[in-house]
Protein backbone atom coordinates (compact mmCIF):
# COMPACT_ATOMS: atom_id res chain seq x y z
CA UNK A 1 -0.12 0.10 -0.18
CA UNK A 2 1.81 3.28 -1.29
CA UNK A 3 2.03 6.26 1.37
CA UNK A 4 1.78 9.98 -0.15
CA UNK A 5 3.35 12.62 2.04
CA UNK A 6 1.19 15.71 2.08
CA UNK A 7 3.27 19.06 2.92
CA UNK A 8 1.14 21.00 5.33
CA UNK A 9 1.08 24.50 4.04
CA UNK A 10 -1.33 25.17 1.41
CA UNK A 11 -0.85 26.75 -1.86
CA UNK A 12 -1.66 30.45 -1.43
CA UNK A 13 -2.27 33.05 -4.20
CA UNK A 14 -3.39 36.75 -3.69
CA UNK A 15 -6.45 37.62 -6.65
CA UNK A 16 -5.72 41.23 -6.25
CA UNK A 17 -2.35 41.75 -7.15
CA UNK A 18 -1.78 38.60 -8.87
CA UNK A 19 1.28 37.79 -6.98
CA UNK A 20 1.85 34.36 -6.20
CA UNK A 21 2.83 33.53 -2.46
CA UNK A 22 5.16 31.07 -1.24
CA UNK A 23 3.38 27.81 -0.58
CA UNK A 24 5.77 26.77 2.22
CA UNK A 25 7.77 29.72 4.27
CA UNK A 26 10.57 27.71 5.16
CA UNK A 27 11.04 27.16 1.26
CA UNK A 28 10.41 30.78 -0.32
CA UNK A 29 11.01 29.28 -3.77
CA UNK A 30 8.28 27.05 -4.18
CA UNK A 31 4.96 29.21 -5.39
CA UNK A 32 1.40 28.51 -6.52
CA UNK A 33 2.94 29.17 -9.83
CA UNK A 34 5.29 26.62 -9.34
CA UNK A 35 2.69 24.23 -8.40
CA UNK A 36 0.47 24.79 -11.60
CA UNK A 37 3.30 24.03 -13.70
CA UNK A 38 4.08 20.52 -12.77
CA UNK A 39 3.47 18.36 -9.05
CA UNK A 40 7.13 17.44 -9.32
CA UNK A 41 8.01 20.92 -7.74
CA UNK A 42 6.15 20.06 -4.56
CA UNK A 43 7.15 16.63 -4.30
CA UNK A 44 10.80 17.14 -4.76
CA UNK A 45 13.14 15.08 -2.90
CA UNK A 46 14.25 17.96 -0.64
CA UNK A 47 10.99 19.45 0.48
CA UNK A 48 9.79 15.76 1.09
CA UNK A 49 12.87 14.25 3.06
CA UNK A 50 13.10 17.94 4.94
CA UNK A 51 9.51 17.86 6.26
CA UNK A 52 9.66 14.37 6.96
CA UNK A 53 12.75 15.03 9.09
CA UNK A 54 11.34 17.76 11.01
CA UNK A 55 8.26 15.81 11.88
CA UNK A 56 10.40 12.99 13.06
CA UNK A 57 12.98 15.12 15.04
CA UNK A 58 9.87 17.21 16.65
CA UNK A 59 8.87 13.70 17.54
CA UNK A 60 11.77 12.44 19.26
CA UNK A 61 12.60 15.83 20.84
CA UNK A 62 9.35 15.51 22.93
CA UNK A 63 9.73 12.02 23.76
CA UNK A 64 13.33 13.08 24.85
CA UNK A 65 12.35 16.54 26.70
CA UNK A 66 12.25 14.88 30.46
CA UNK A 67 16.15 14.27 29.81
CA UNK A 68 16.94 17.68 28.76
CA UNK A 69 18.87 16.65 25.91
CA UNK A 70 17.74 17.41 22.00
CA UNK A 71 17.87 14.56 19.35
CA UNK A 72 21.01 16.03 17.99
CA UNK A 73 22.52 16.16 21.05
CA UNK A 74 21.98 12.45 22.12
CA UNK A 75 23.00 11.45 18.63
CA UNK A 76 26.42 13.06 19.20
CA UNK A 77 26.64 11.65 22.50
CA UNK A 78 25.98 7.96 21.40
CA UNK A 79 28.37 8.48 18.51
CA UNK A 80 31.07 9.55 20.54
CA UNK A 81 30.41 6.97 23.14
CA UNK A 82 30.33 4.06 20.46
CA UNK A 83 33.75 5.23 18.98
CA UNK A 84 35.38 6.10 22.33
CA UNK A 85 36.81 9.22 21.14
CA UNK A 86 36.64 10.58 17.41
CA UNK A 87 38.20 13.82 15.98
CA UNK A 88 35.97 16.61 14.75
CA UNK A 89 36.71 16.43 11.27
CA UNK A 90 35.92 12.56 11.04
CA UNK A 91 32.41 13.14 12.69
CA UNK A 92 31.62 15.86 10.53
CA UNK A 93 32.54 13.58 7.22
CA UNK A 94 30.83 10.40 8.50
CA UNK A 95 27.59 12.26 9.48
CA UNK A 96 27.63 14.39 6.79
CA UNK A 97 27.50 17.54 9.00
CA UNK A 98 29.12 21.26 8.27
CA UNK A 99 32.19 21.80 10.43
CA UNK A 100 30.67 25.16 11.46
CA UNK A 101 27.24 23.63 12.59
CA UNK A 102 28.80 20.41 14.36
CA UNK A 103 31.62 22.94 16.25
CA UNK A 104 28.20 25.17 17.65
CA UNK A 105 26.55 21.55 18.44
CA UNK A 106 29.98 20.38 20.31
CA UNK A 107 30.03 23.73 21.78
CA UNK A 108 26.74 23.18 23.92
CA UNK A 109 27.40 19.83 24.89
CA UNK A 110 31.08 21.26 26.41
CA UNK A 111 29.09 23.84 28.08
CA UNK A 112 26.73 21.37 29.67
CA UNK A 113 30.16 19.27 30.70
CA UNK A 114 28.93 16.36 28.83
CA UNK A 115 32.13 16.23 26.60
CA UNK A 116 35.70 17.11 26.80
CA UNK A 117 38.20 17.99 24.35
CA UNK A 118 41.96 17.32 23.82
CA UNK A 119 44.30 18.24 20.72
CA UNK A 120 45.15 15.71 18.57
CA UNK A 121 48.71 14.88 16.62
CA UNK A 122 47.35 16.62 13.29
CA UNK A 123 47.47 20.31 12.83
CA UNK A 124 44.28 21.94 14.42
CA UNK A 125 42.87 18.12 15.14
CA UNK A 126 40.22 18.23 17.92
CA UNK A 127 39.40 14.96 19.46
CA UNK A 128 36.31 14.83 21.73
CA UNK A 129 35.29 12.16 24.56
CA UNK A 130 32.16 11.92 26.84
CA UNK A 131 33.03 12.66 30.59
CA UNK A 132 31.49 11.00 33.32
CA UNK A 133 28.87 13.44 33.53
CA UNK A 134 28.12 12.87 29.46
CA UNK A 135 27.82 9.11 29.81
CA UNK A 136 25.35 9.35 32.74
CA UNK A 137 23.31 11.76 30.66
CA UNK A 138 23.32 9.14 27.85
CA UNK A 139 22.73 6.46 30.01
CA UNK A 140 19.70 8.21 31.71
CA UNK A 141 18.27 9.01 28.22
CA UNK A 142 18.68 6.05 26.32
CA UNK A 143 15.53 4.27 27.64
CA UNK A 144 13.30 7.46 26.25
CA UNK A 145 15.56 7.24 22.98
CA UNK A 146 14.31 3.68 22.61
CA UNK A 147 10.45 4.68 23.55
CA UNK A 148 10.72 6.87 20.97
CA UNK A 149 11.95 4.19 18.20
CA UNK A 150 9.51 1.62 19.56
CA UNK A 151 6.68 4.17 18.57
CA UNK A 152 7.83 5.32 15.77
CA UNK A 153 8.18 1.65 14.40
CA UNK A 154 4.94 0.64 15.68
CA UNK A 155 3.23 3.63 13.59
CA UNK A 156 5.20 2.78 10.67
CA UNK A 157 4.80 -1.00 10.88
CA UNK A 158 8.02 -3.56 10.77
CA UNK A 159 8.19 -3.55 6.70
CA UNK A 160 8.27 0.06 6.33
CA UNK A 161 10.69 0.74 9.10
CA UNK A 162 13.31 -1.65 7.49
CA UNK A 163 12.48 -0.10 4.01
CA UNK A 164 12.80 3.27 5.68
CA UNK A 165 16.27 2.52 6.99
CA UNK A 166 17.42 1.19 3.77
CA UNK A 167 16.01 3.83 1.87
CA UNK A 168 17.59 6.32 3.93
CA UNK A 169 21.00 4.73 3.71
CA UNK A 170 20.54 4.65 -0.48
CA UNK A 171 19.55 8.32 -0.74
CA UNK A 172 22.46 9.40 1.73
CA UNK A 173 24.81 7.10 -0.91
CA UNK A 174 22.97 8.86 -3.93
CA UNK A 175 23.44 12.30 -3.12
CA UNK A 176 27.09 11.88 -2.22
CA UNK A 177 27.22 10.27 -5.57
CA UNK A 178 25.47 13.33 -7.21
CA UNK A 179 27.89 15.61 -5.42
CA UNK A 180 30.81 14.05 -6.77
CA UNK A 181 29.39 14.14 -10.26
CA UNK A 182 28.97 17.73 -10.00
CA UNK A 183 32.40 18.47 -8.56
CA UNK A 184 33.99 16.17 -11.38
CA UNK A 185 32.22 18.39 -13.82
CA UNK A 186 33.05 21.24 -12.36
CA UNK A 187 36.91 19.94 -12.76
CA UNK A 188 36.26 18.89 -16.39
CA UNK A 189 35.09 22.34 -16.96
CA UNK A 190 37.89 24.42 -15.47
CA UNK A 191 40.15 22.23 -17.37
CA UNK A 192 38.55 23.01 -20.37
CA UNK A 193 38.84 26.55 -20.10
CA UNK A 194 42.41 26.16 -19.34
CA UNK A 195 43.26 24.36 -22.33
CA UNK A 196 41.27 26.65 -24.46
CA UNK A 197 43.29 29.57 -22.73
CA UNK A 198 46.60 27.45 -23.49
């Protein structure tokens, strides 16, 4: 049975000014005119994934709220705990997070004294590990995380849950491949310009 994802914001138009209004405030580029030109604009992979991600994050944040941790903070603590310790650059690369964004998130956890930092052997390398307080926070939050997992899995059903995890990994790989193609195309274009100039 197929499930379609409905984006919550309606199409908005202003007949007095004949101007189109954004369908979704968070996606200002999607307008009523875009919707008329074809459904592919509204059902783009970005919009669908972003909307689903926000809904899931909101749900996990709600379940985790008694622990004082956000979903993003729990995931960081869990990943660092599993690794023992990890360099910030390696964490950013593995989870596809921009270094400046990760620095802010790590900074918040350091202020809470949940993680600690040491300098690595490479120039500018920062390596993080959990503090005792961080280990305790993770331990106390784990039952709430598992509760969120069970609730979402029950709502989806086991088959859709498994397919979701598989599809998410495939989407991640496809996005990485698409990014690499863009990089390769840019490199080829640069070489062509250089060759022409020569």
